[in-house]
Amino acid sequence: RSLIKQLNCFFRCLRHFPTMYHIACSTWFTATGKAMPQYFKFEDDNGDIQTVRDILVKYTEDKNYSGIPSREYGCEAVIGGLIREFKLIFYLEACKWVMLV
């Protein structure tokens, strides 16, 4: 195959891998200890700080990534003026949040 076709295939494959952003997340905890993300901030690809509010949590699921306990939140919100679906991952032991978009 030509180099152009190989590069096109490579970039098509890259679209299937989400980008991870470390986030600062304001979280509300219920009386039973359930964490609910309220809003978060992150540094975008241009170096600007973005604030994401009005998060619609579609599902939550307990996960183990390489033996690291975490909770995954499937979410939807307006990011950069567009409605986007993304995942928020809360690493329980480290008390850290990341966004996968």
N, C-alpha and C. Protein backbone atom coordinates (compact mmCIF):
# COMPACT_ATOMS: atom_id res chain seq x y z
N ARG A 1 0.85 -1.19 0.00
CA ARG A 1 0.00 0.00 0.00
C ARG A 1 0.89 1.24 0.00
N SER A 2 0.32 2.30 -0.51
CA SER A 2 1.07 3.55 -0.54
C SER A 2 1.16 4.14 0.87
N LEU A 3 2.11 5.03 1.05
CA LEU A 3 2.30 5.69 2.34
C LEU A 3 1.06 6.48 2.74
N ILE A 4 0.41 7.13 1.78
CA ILE A 4 -0.80 7.91 2.08
C ILE A 4 -1.89 6.99 2.63
N LYS A 5 -2.11 5.84 2.01
CA LYS A 5 -3.13 4.91 2.48
C LYS A 5 -2.80 4.40 3.87
N GLN A 6 -1.52 4.13 4.13
CA GLN A 6 -1.11 3.67 5.45
C GLN A 6 -1.36 4.74 6.51
N LEU A 7 -1.04 6.00 6.19
CA LEU A 7 -1.26 7.09 7.14
C LEU A 7 -2.75 7.30 7.39
N ASN A 8 -3.56 7.23 6.33
CA ASN A 8 -5.01 7.38 6.51
C ASN A 8 -5.55 6.29 7.43
N CYS A 9 -5.09 5.06 7.25
CA CYS A 9 -5.51 3.95 8.09
C CYS A 9 -5.08 4.20 9.55
N PHE A 10 -3.86 4.67 9.73
CA PHE A 10 -3.34 4.95 11.07
C PHE A 10 -4.19 6.00 11.77
N PHE A 11 -4.52 7.10 11.09
CA PHE A 11 -5.31 8.15 11.72
C PHE A 11 -6.76 7.73 11.95
N ARG A 12 -7.31 6.87 11.10
CA ARG A 12 -8.64 6.33 11.35
C ARG A 12 -8.64 5.50 12.63
N CYS A 13 -7.58 4.72 12.83
CA CYS A 13 -7.46 3.89 14.04
C CYS A 13 -7.34 4.76 15.28
N LEU A 14 -6.64 5.89 15.18
CA LEU A 14 -6.45 6.77 16.33
C LEU A 14 -7.76 7.33 16.85
N ARG A 15 -8.74 7.51 15.98
CA ARG A 15 -10.03 8.06 16.40
C ARG A 15 -10.76 7.14 17.38
N HIS A 16 -10.37 5.88 17.41
CA HIS A 16 -11.04 4.93 18.30
C HIS A 16 -10.47 4.97 19.72
N PHE A 17 -9.35 5.65 19.92
CA PHE A 17 -8.75 5.75 21.24
C PHE A 17 -9.07 7.11 21.84
N PRO A 18 -9.69 7.12 23.02
CA PRO A 18 -10.06 8.40 23.64
C PRO A 18 -8.84 9.16 24.15
N THR A 19 -8.99 10.47 24.24
CA THR A 19 -7.97 11.33 24.82
C THR A 19 -8.27 11.48 26.30
N MET A 20 -7.24 11.39 27.13
CA MET A 20 -7.41 11.50 28.58
C MET A 20 -6.96 12.87 29.05
N TYR A 21 -7.80 13.50 29.88
CA TYR A 21 -7.49 14.79 30.50
C TYR A 21 -7.62 14.63 32.01
N HIS A 22 -6.63 15.10 32.75
CA HIS A 22 -6.75 15.16 34.20
C HIS A 22 -7.66 16.34 34.53
N ILE A 23 -8.58 16.13 35.47
CA ILE A 23 -9.57 17.16 35.76
C ILE A 23 -9.62 17.47 37.25
N ALA A 24 -10.08 18.68 37.55
CA ALA A 24 -10.44 19.07 38.92
C ALA A 24 -11.95 19.00 38.99
N CYS A 25 -12.47 18.10 39.82
CA CYS A 25 -13.90 17.81 39.82
C CYS A 25 -14.53 18.16 41.16
N SER A 26 -15.61 18.94 41.12
CA SER A 26 -16.41 19.21 42.30
C SER A 26 -17.46 18.11 42.38
N THR A 27 -17.45 17.40 43.50
CA THR A 27 -18.28 16.21 43.63
C THR A 27 -19.17 16.31 44.86
N TRP A 28 -20.41 15.90 44.70
CA TRP A 28 -21.34 15.82 45.81
C TRP A 28 -21.46 14.35 46.20
N PHE A 29 -21.35 14.06 47.49
CA PHE A 29 -21.49 12.71 47.98
C PHE A 29 -22.83 12.56 48.70
N THR A 30 -23.55 11.51 48.36
CA THR A 30 -24.83 11.24 49.00
C THR A 30 -24.58 10.72 50.42
N ALA A 31 -25.66 10.59 51.20
CA ALA A 31 -25.56 10.08 52.56
C ALA A 31 -25.03 8.63 52.58
N THR A 32 -25.22 7.93 51.47
CA THR A 32 -24.74 6.54 51.39
C THR A 32 -23.34 6.44 50.80
N GLY A 33 -22.72 7.58 50.50
CA GLY A 33 -21.34 7.58 50.00
C GLY A 33 -21.21 7.54 48.49
N LYS A 34 -22.31 7.65 47.77
CA LYS A 34 -22.27 7.65 46.31
C LYS A 34 -21.77 9.01 45.82
N ALA A 35 -20.74 9.01 44.98
CA ALA A 35 -20.17 10.26 44.44
C ALA A 35 -20.91 10.67 43.18
N MET A 36 -21.28 11.96 43.10
CA MET A 36 -21.96 12.49 41.92
C MET A 36 -21.21 13.74 41.46
N PRO A 37 -20.55 13.68 40.29
CA PRO A 37 -19.83 14.86 39.79
C PRO A 37 -20.79 16.00 39.48
N GLN A 38 -20.50 17.20 39.98
CA GLN A 38 -21.34 18.37 39.76
C GLN A 38 -20.82 19.22 38.61
N TYR A 39 -19.52 19.52 38.64
CA TYR A 39 -18.87 20.23 37.53
C TYR A 39 -17.38 19.94 37.62
N PHE A 40 -16.66 20.22 36.53
CA PHE A 40 -15.22 20.02 36.55
C PHE A 40 -14.52 21.01 35.64
N LYS A 41 -13.22 21.14 35.86
CA LYS A 41 -12.37 22.02 35.05
C LYS A 41 -11.20 21.21 34.52
N PHE A 42 -10.77 21.57 33.31
CA PHE A 42 -9.60 20.92 32.73
C PHE A 42 -8.91 21.87 31.76
N GLU A 43 -7.67 21.59 31.48
CA GLU A 43 -6.90 22.38 30.51
C GLU A 43 -7.07 21.74 29.15
N ASP A 44 -7.60 22.51 28.18
CA ASP A 44 -7.84 21.95 26.85
C ASP A 44 -6.54 21.91 26.04
N ASP A 45 -6.63 21.47 24.80
CA ASP A 45 -5.45 21.32 23.95
C ASP A 45 -4.77 22.64 23.62
N ASN A 46 -5.48 23.76 23.77
CA ASN A 46 -4.90 25.09 23.51
C ASN A 46 -4.32 25.72 24.77
N GLY A 47 -4.42 25.01 25.91
CA GLY A 47 -3.91 25.54 27.16
C GLY A 47 -4.91 26.39 27.93
N ASP A 48 -6.14 26.48 27.42
CA ASP A 48 -7.19 27.24 28.10
C ASP A 48 -7.89 26.36 29.13
N ILE A 49 -8.33 26.97 30.24
CA ILE A 49 -9.08 26.24 31.26
C ILE A 49 -10.55 26.25 30.88
N GLN A 50 -11.12 25.07 30.75
CA GLN A 50 -12.53 24.90 30.41
C GLN A 50 -13.29 24.46 31.66
N THR A 51 -14.49 24.98 31.85
CA THR A 51 -15.36 24.55 32.94
C THR A 51 -16.57 23.86 32.33
N VAL A 52 -16.87 22.67 32.81
CA VAL A 52 -18.00 21.89 32.31
C VAL A 52 -19.01 21.75 33.43
N ARG A 53 -20.23 22.24 33.18
CA ARG A 53 -21.32 22.20 34.16
C ARG A 53 -22.49 21.40 33.59
N ASP A 54 -23.52 21.26 34.37
CA ASP A 54 -24.75 20.57 33.93
C ASP A 54 -24.44 19.21 33.31
N ILE A 55 -23.74 18.40 34.09
CA ILE A 55 -23.33 17.07 33.64
C ILE A 55 -24.50 16.11 33.78
N LEU A 56 -24.85 15.45 32.69
CA LEU A 56 -25.86 14.40 32.71
C LEU A 56 -25.14 13.07 32.84
N VAL A 57 -25.30 12.41 33.99
CA VAL A 57 -24.69 11.09 34.20
C VAL A 57 -25.67 10.04 33.70
N LYS A 58 -25.26 9.31 32.66
CA LYS A 58 -26.13 8.29 32.06
C LYS A 58 -26.00 6.95 32.76
N TYR A 59 -24.81 6.63 33.25
CA TYR A 59 -24.60 5.38 33.98
C TYR A 59 -23.35 5.48 34.85
N THR A 60 -23.27 4.62 35.83
CA THR A 60 -22.05 4.45 36.63
C THR A 60 -21.76 2.96 36.69
N GLU A 61 -20.47 2.65 36.74
CA GLU A 61 -20.06 1.25 36.78
C GLU A 61 -18.74 1.14 37.52
N ASP A 62 -18.68 0.20 38.47
CA ASP A 62 -17.42 -0.06 39.16
C ASP A 62 -16.51 -0.83 38.23
N LYS A 63 -15.23 -0.44 38.18
CA LYS A 63 -14.25 -1.05 37.28
C LYS A 63 -12.98 -1.36 38.04
N ASN A 64 -12.15 -2.18 37.43
CA ASN A 64 -10.80 -2.47 37.90
C ASN A 64 -9.87 -2.35 36.71
N TYR A 65 -9.09 -1.28 36.64
CA TYR A 65 -8.13 -1.09 35.56
C TYR A 65 -6.77 -1.57 36.06
N SER A 66 -6.32 -2.72 35.57
CA SER A 66 -5.05 -3.32 35.99
C SER A 66 -4.99 -3.46 37.51
N GLY A 67 -6.09 -3.86 38.11
CA GLY A 67 -6.14 -4.06 39.55
C GLY A 67 -6.36 -2.80 40.36
N ILE A 68 -6.56 -1.66 39.69
CA ILE A 68 -6.78 -0.39 40.38
C ILE A 68 -8.29 -0.13 40.44
N PRO A 69 -8.88 -0.11 41.64
CA PRO A 69 -10.33 0.10 41.74
C PRO A 69 -10.73 1.51 41.30
N SER A 70 -11.78 1.57 40.51
CA SER A 70 -12.23 2.87 40.00
C SER A 70 -13.73 2.80 39.74
N ARG A 71 -14.31 3.96 39.51
CA ARG A 71 -15.72 4.06 39.16
C ARG A 71 -15.81 4.86 37.86
N GLU A 72 -16.51 4.31 36.88
CA GLU A 72 -16.67 4.95 35.57
C GLU A 72 -18.05 5.57 35.49
N TYR A 73 -18.09 6.82 35.03
CA TYR A 73 -19.34 7.56 34.83
C TYR A 73 -19.49 7.86 33.34
N GLY A 74 -20.51 7.34 32.72
CA GLY A 74 -20.82 7.70 31.34
C GLY A 74 -21.64 8.98 31.35
N CYS A 75 -21.13 10.03 30.71
CA CYS A 75 -21.73 11.36 30.85
C CYS A 75 -21.98 12.04 29.51
N GLU A 76 -22.75 13.13 29.61
CA GLU A 76 -23.01 14.01 28.48
C GLU A 76 -23.08 15.43 29.01
N ALA A 77 -22.45 16.36 28.29
CA ALA A 77 -22.47 17.78 28.67
C ALA A 77 -22.00 18.61 27.48
N VAL A 78 -22.16 19.91 27.61
CA VAL A 78 -21.67 20.84 26.59
C VAL A 78 -20.20 21.13 26.88
N ILE A 79 -19.34 20.82 25.91
CA ILE A 79 -17.91 21.10 26.00
C ILE A 79 -17.51 21.84 24.74
N GLY A 80 -16.97 23.05 24.91
CA GLY A 80 -16.57 23.84 23.75
C GLY A 80 -17.73 24.18 22.83
N GLY A 81 -18.92 24.35 23.40
CA GLY A 81 -20.09 24.73 22.61
C GLY A 81 -20.81 23.57 21.94
N LEU A 82 -20.33 22.34 22.12
CA LEU A 82 -20.96 21.17 21.50
C LEU A 82 -21.36 20.17 22.57
N ILE A 83 -22.48 19.48 22.36
CA ILE A 83 -22.88 18.41 23.27
C ILE A 83 -21.96 17.22 22.98
N ARG A 84 -21.27 16.76 24.04
CA ARG A 84 -20.31 15.67 23.89
C ARG A 84 -20.62 14.55 24.87
N GLU A 85 -20.40 13.34 24.44
CA GLU A 85 -20.44 12.19 25.34
C GLU A 85 -19.01 11.90 25.76
N PHE A 86 -18.83 11.55 27.03
CA PHE A 86 -17.49 11.29 27.55
C PHE A 86 -17.62 10.42 28.78
N LYS A 87 -16.48 9.95 29.26
CA LYS A 87 -16.44 9.18 30.49
C LYS A 87 -15.62 9.93 31.52
N LEU A 88 -16.08 9.91 32.75
CA LEU A 88 -15.30 10.38 33.88
C LEU A 88 -14.91 9.14 34.68
N ILE A 89 -13.64 9.05 35.02
CA ILE A 89 -13.13 7.93 35.80
C ILE A 89 -12.64 8.47 37.14
N PHE A 90 -13.14 7.91 38.23
CA PHE A 90 -12.70 8.27 39.57
C PHE A 90 -11.90 7.12 40.12
N TYR A 91 -10.59 7.37 40.39
CA TYR A 91 -9.72 6.37 40.98
C TYR A 91 -9.88 6.44 42.50
N LEU A 92 -10.51 5.42 43.07
CA LEU A 92 -10.94 5.44 44.46
C LEU A 92 -9.79 5.63 45.45
N GLU A 93 -8.71 4.87 45.29
CA GLU A 93 -7.62 4.93 46.26
C GLU A 93 -6.84 6.24 46.17
N ALA A 94 -6.66 6.74 44.97
CA ALA A 94 -5.89 7.98 44.78
C ALA A 94 -6.76 9.22 44.89
N CYS A 95 -8.10 9.06 44.87
CA CYS A 95 -9.04 10.19 44.88
C CYS A 95 -8.74 11.16 43.75
N LYS A 96 -8.52 10.63 42.54
CA LYS A 96 -8.23 11.44 41.36
C LYS A 96 -9.25 11.17 40.27
N TRP A 97 -9.49 12.20 39.47
CA TRP A 97 -10.44 12.13 38.37
C TRP A 97 -9.73 12.34 37.04
N VAL A 98 -10.22 11.63 36.00
CA VAL A 98 -9.79 11.89 34.63
C VAL A 98 -11.04 11.87 33.75
N MET A 99 -10.93 12.55 32.61
CA MET A 99 -11.99 12.53 31.59
C MET A 99 -11.44 11.84 30.36
N LEU A 100 -12.23 10.94 29.78
CA LEU A 100 -11.91 10.32 28.51
C LEU A 100 -12.93 10.80 27.49
N VAL A 101 -12.42 11.44 26.45
CA VAL A 101 -13.32 11.98 25.43
C VAL A 101 -12.80 11.61 24.04
